Amino acid sequence: MIDAIRTRRRNLAEDLPPGGSGSSVPIDFQRLERLRRLSRLMDSRWRIPFTRIPIGLDGIASIVPVAGDTATAAVSAYIIMEAARFDLPKALLARMAFNVALDWAAGSIPVVGTVFDIAFKANRANLNLLHEHLEQRLAAAGAKR
């Protein structure tokens, strides 16, 4: 999916005037890349030894019930705040916030919450929602030309 965005970015960058994608808010690809890296760090930076199960800081911090999940929820809220700068619809932002709230609530349960945090990747899901929206925006900008 990220390769598709990069390919479209290269194709559209040749034809678009400087400063934007033709929409009211230009797509900042550097911000998008920072969010991708942060999301990966939080959800899937490492693998549990001898398995193929990805783990990030969210899963590691959930070992400390409530406090660890609250700290990672603050980082997830930052990701949503940065994503909102892409002028996302409020319904999409609400869906992203629900993912973080679910991750925080279920992850705060001792022991079971740690397993949940390792299995449920809220930041990755939110980044996928952002990518889908931006791909649709790029497709619409390409169709207008």
Protein backbone atom coordinates (compact mmCIF):
# COMPACT_ATOMS: atom_id res chain seq x y z
CA MET A 1 0.00 0.00 0.00
CA ILE A 2 2.84 2.40 0.84
CA ASP A 3 4.50 1.60 -2.48
CA ALA A 4 1.27 2.56 -4.24
CA ILE A 5 1.28 5.93 -2.46
CA ARG A 6 4.93 6.51 -3.35
CA THR A 7 4.30 5.60 -7.00
CA ARG A 8 1.28 7.90 -7.20
CA ARG A 9 3.25 10.62 -5.45
CA ARG A 10 5.98 10.45 -8.11
CA ASN A 11 3.44 10.44 -10.95
CA LEU A 12 1.39 13.31 -9.56
CA ALA A 13 4.40 15.35 -8.47
CA GLU A 14 5.40 15.75 -12.10
CA ASP A 15 2.05 17.20 -13.12
CA LEU A 16 0.90 19.15 -10.09
CA PRO A 17 1.74 22.75 -9.35
CA PRO A 18 4.09 23.26 -6.41
CA GLY A 19 2.41 23.33 -3.03
CA GLY A 20 -0.25 20.73 -3.27
CA SER A 21 -2.27 17.93 -4.68
CA GLY A 22 -5.08 20.11 -5.92
CA SER A 23 -7.09 19.62 -2.72
CA SER A 24 -7.52 22.21 -0.01
CA VAL A 25 -4.78 20.57 2.08
CA PRO A 26 -1.63 19.27 0.38
CA ILE A 27 -0.37 15.85 1.35
CA ASP A 28 2.81 16.14 3.41
CA PHE A 29 4.71 12.95 2.56
CA GLN A 30 7.43 13.63 5.12
CA ARG A 31 4.81 13.76 7.89
CA LEU A 32 3.26 10.58 6.52
CA GLU A 33 6.64 8.83 6.63
CA ARG A 34 7.23 10.00 10.24
CA LEU A 35 3.83 8.63 11.24
CA ARG A 36 4.61 5.34 9.50
CA ARG A 37 7.89 4.99 11.41
CA LEU A 38 6.29 5.90 14.74
CA SER A 39 3.42 3.47 14.14
CA ARG A 40 5.88 0.70 13.32
CA LEU A 41 7.89 1.45 16.49
CA MET A 42 4.73 1.31 18.60
CA ASP A 43 3.21 -1.85 17.08
CA SER A 44 5.64 -4.05 15.19
CA ARG A 45 9.28 -2.98 15.47
CA TRP A 46 10.60 -6.32 16.77
CA ARG A 47 9.60 -9.96 16.68
CA ILE A 48 9.14 -12.23 19.69
CA PRO A 49 12.14 -14.62 19.57
CA PHE A 50 11.53 -17.94 17.81
CA THR A 51 8.12 -16.75 16.53
CA ARG A 52 6.81 -14.59 13.72
CA ILE A 53 4.77 -12.44 16.14
CA PRO A 54 5.58 -8.72 15.83
CA ILE A 55 5.80 -6.61 18.95
CA GLY A 56 6.39 -2.92 19.56
CA LEU A 57 6.60 -0.51 22.44
CA ASP A 58 2.83 -0.77 22.93
CA GLY A 59 3.06 -4.48 23.70
CA ILE A 60 6.13 -4.05 25.87
CA ALA A 61 4.69 -1.13 27.87
CA SER A 62 1.47 -3.06 28.52
CA ILE A 63 3.42 -5.23 30.95
CA VAL A 64 2.76 -2.35 33.38
CA PRO A 65 -1.07 -2.30 33.53
CA VAL A 66 -2.83 1.05 33.08
CA ALA A 67 0.32 3.24 33.30
CA GLY A 68 2.02 1.60 30.31
CA ASP A 69 -1.17 1.63 28.27
CA THR A 70 -1.87 5.25 29.19
CA ALA A 71 1.61 6.29 28.04
CA THR A 72 1.25 4.48 24.72
CA ALA A 73 -2.28 5.87 24.29
CA ALA A 74 -0.78 9.36 24.53
CA VAL A 75 1.58 8.51 21.66
CA SER A 76 -1.35 7.07 19.71
CA ALA A 77 -3.30 10.29 20.34
CA TYR A 78 -0.33 12.22 18.91
CA ILE A 79 -0.50 10.04 15.78
CA ILE A 80 -4.21 10.86 15.43
CA MET A 81 -3.52 14.56 15.98
CA GLU A 82 -0.88 14.53 13.23
CA ALA A 83 -3.22 12.54 10.96
CA ALA A 84 -5.91 15.18 11.51
CA ARG A 85 -3.62 17.70 9.81
CA PHE A 86 -4.35 15.83 6.57
CA ASP A 87 -7.91 17.21 6.81
CA LEU A 88 -9.54 13.85 7.46
CA PRO A 89 -13.32 13.55 7.88
CA LYS A 90 -14.51 13.62 11.48
CA ALA A 91 -16.00 10.14 11.15
CA LEU A 92 -12.60 8.74 10.22
CA LEU A 93 -10.93 10.53 13.14
CA ALA A 94 -13.61 9.13 15.46
CA ARG A 95 -12.92 5.62 14.17
CA MET A 96 -9.21 6.12 14.82
CA ALA A 97 -9.94 7.39 18.33
CA PHE A 98 -12.14 4.34 18.95
CA ASN A 99 -9.23 2.06 17.97
CA VAL A 100 -6.98 3.81 20.50
CA ALA A 101 -9.67 3.75 23.22
CA LEU A 102 -10.23 0.03 22.66
CA ASP A 103 -6.48 -0.59 22.76
CA TRP A 104 -6.19 1.36 26.03
CA ALA A 105 -9.23 -0.20 27.73
CA ALA A 106 -8.53 -3.82 26.81
CA GLY A 107 -4.78 -3.40 27.21
CA SER A 108 -5.17 -2.15 30.77
CA ILE A 109 -6.41 -5.53 31.97
CA PRO A 110 -3.52 -7.36 33.65
CA VAL A 111 -2.04 -10.33 31.71
CA VAL A 112 -4.90 -10.64 29.20
CA GLY A 113 -4.35 -7.02 28.21
CA THR A 114 -0.72 -7.68 27.32
CA VAL A 115 -1.77 -10.48 24.98
CA PHE A 116 -4.43 -8.19 23.52
CA ASP A 117 -1.88 -5.40 22.95
CA ILE A 118 0.43 -7.79 21.13
CA ALA A 119 -2.44 -9.03 18.92
CA PHE A 120 -4.32 -5.77 18.26
CA LYS A 121 -2.27 -3.16 16.41
CA ALA A 122 -4.26 0.08 16.84
CA ASN A 123 -1.59 2.36 15.38
CA ARG A 124 -1.12 0.17 12.32
CA ALA A 125 -4.90 0.04 11.82
CA ASN A 126 -5.08 3.84 12.11
CA LEU A 127 -2.24 4.30 9.65
CA ASN A 128 -3.99 1.96 7.21
CA LEU A 129 -7.15 4.08 7.52
CA LEU A 130 -5.09 7.20 6.81
CA HIS A 131 -3.42 5.58 3.78
CA GLU A 132 -6.76 4.46 2.35
CA HIS A 133 -8.14 7.98 2.67
CA LEU A 134 -5.06 9.55 1.09
CA GLU A 135 -5.08 7.02 -1.75
CA GLN A 136 -8.69 7.96 -2.50
CA ARG A 137 -7.72 11.64 -2.39
CA LEU A 138 -4.83 11.04 -4.80
CA ALA A 139 -7.05 9.01 -7.11
CA ALA A 140 -9.64 11.80 -7.14
CA ALA A 141 -6.93 14.38 -7.88
CA GLY A 142 -5.62 12.19 -10.70
CA ALA A 143 -9.11 11.75 -12.14
CA LYS A 144 -9.69 15.52 -12.23
CA ARG A 145 -6.75 16.04 -14.55
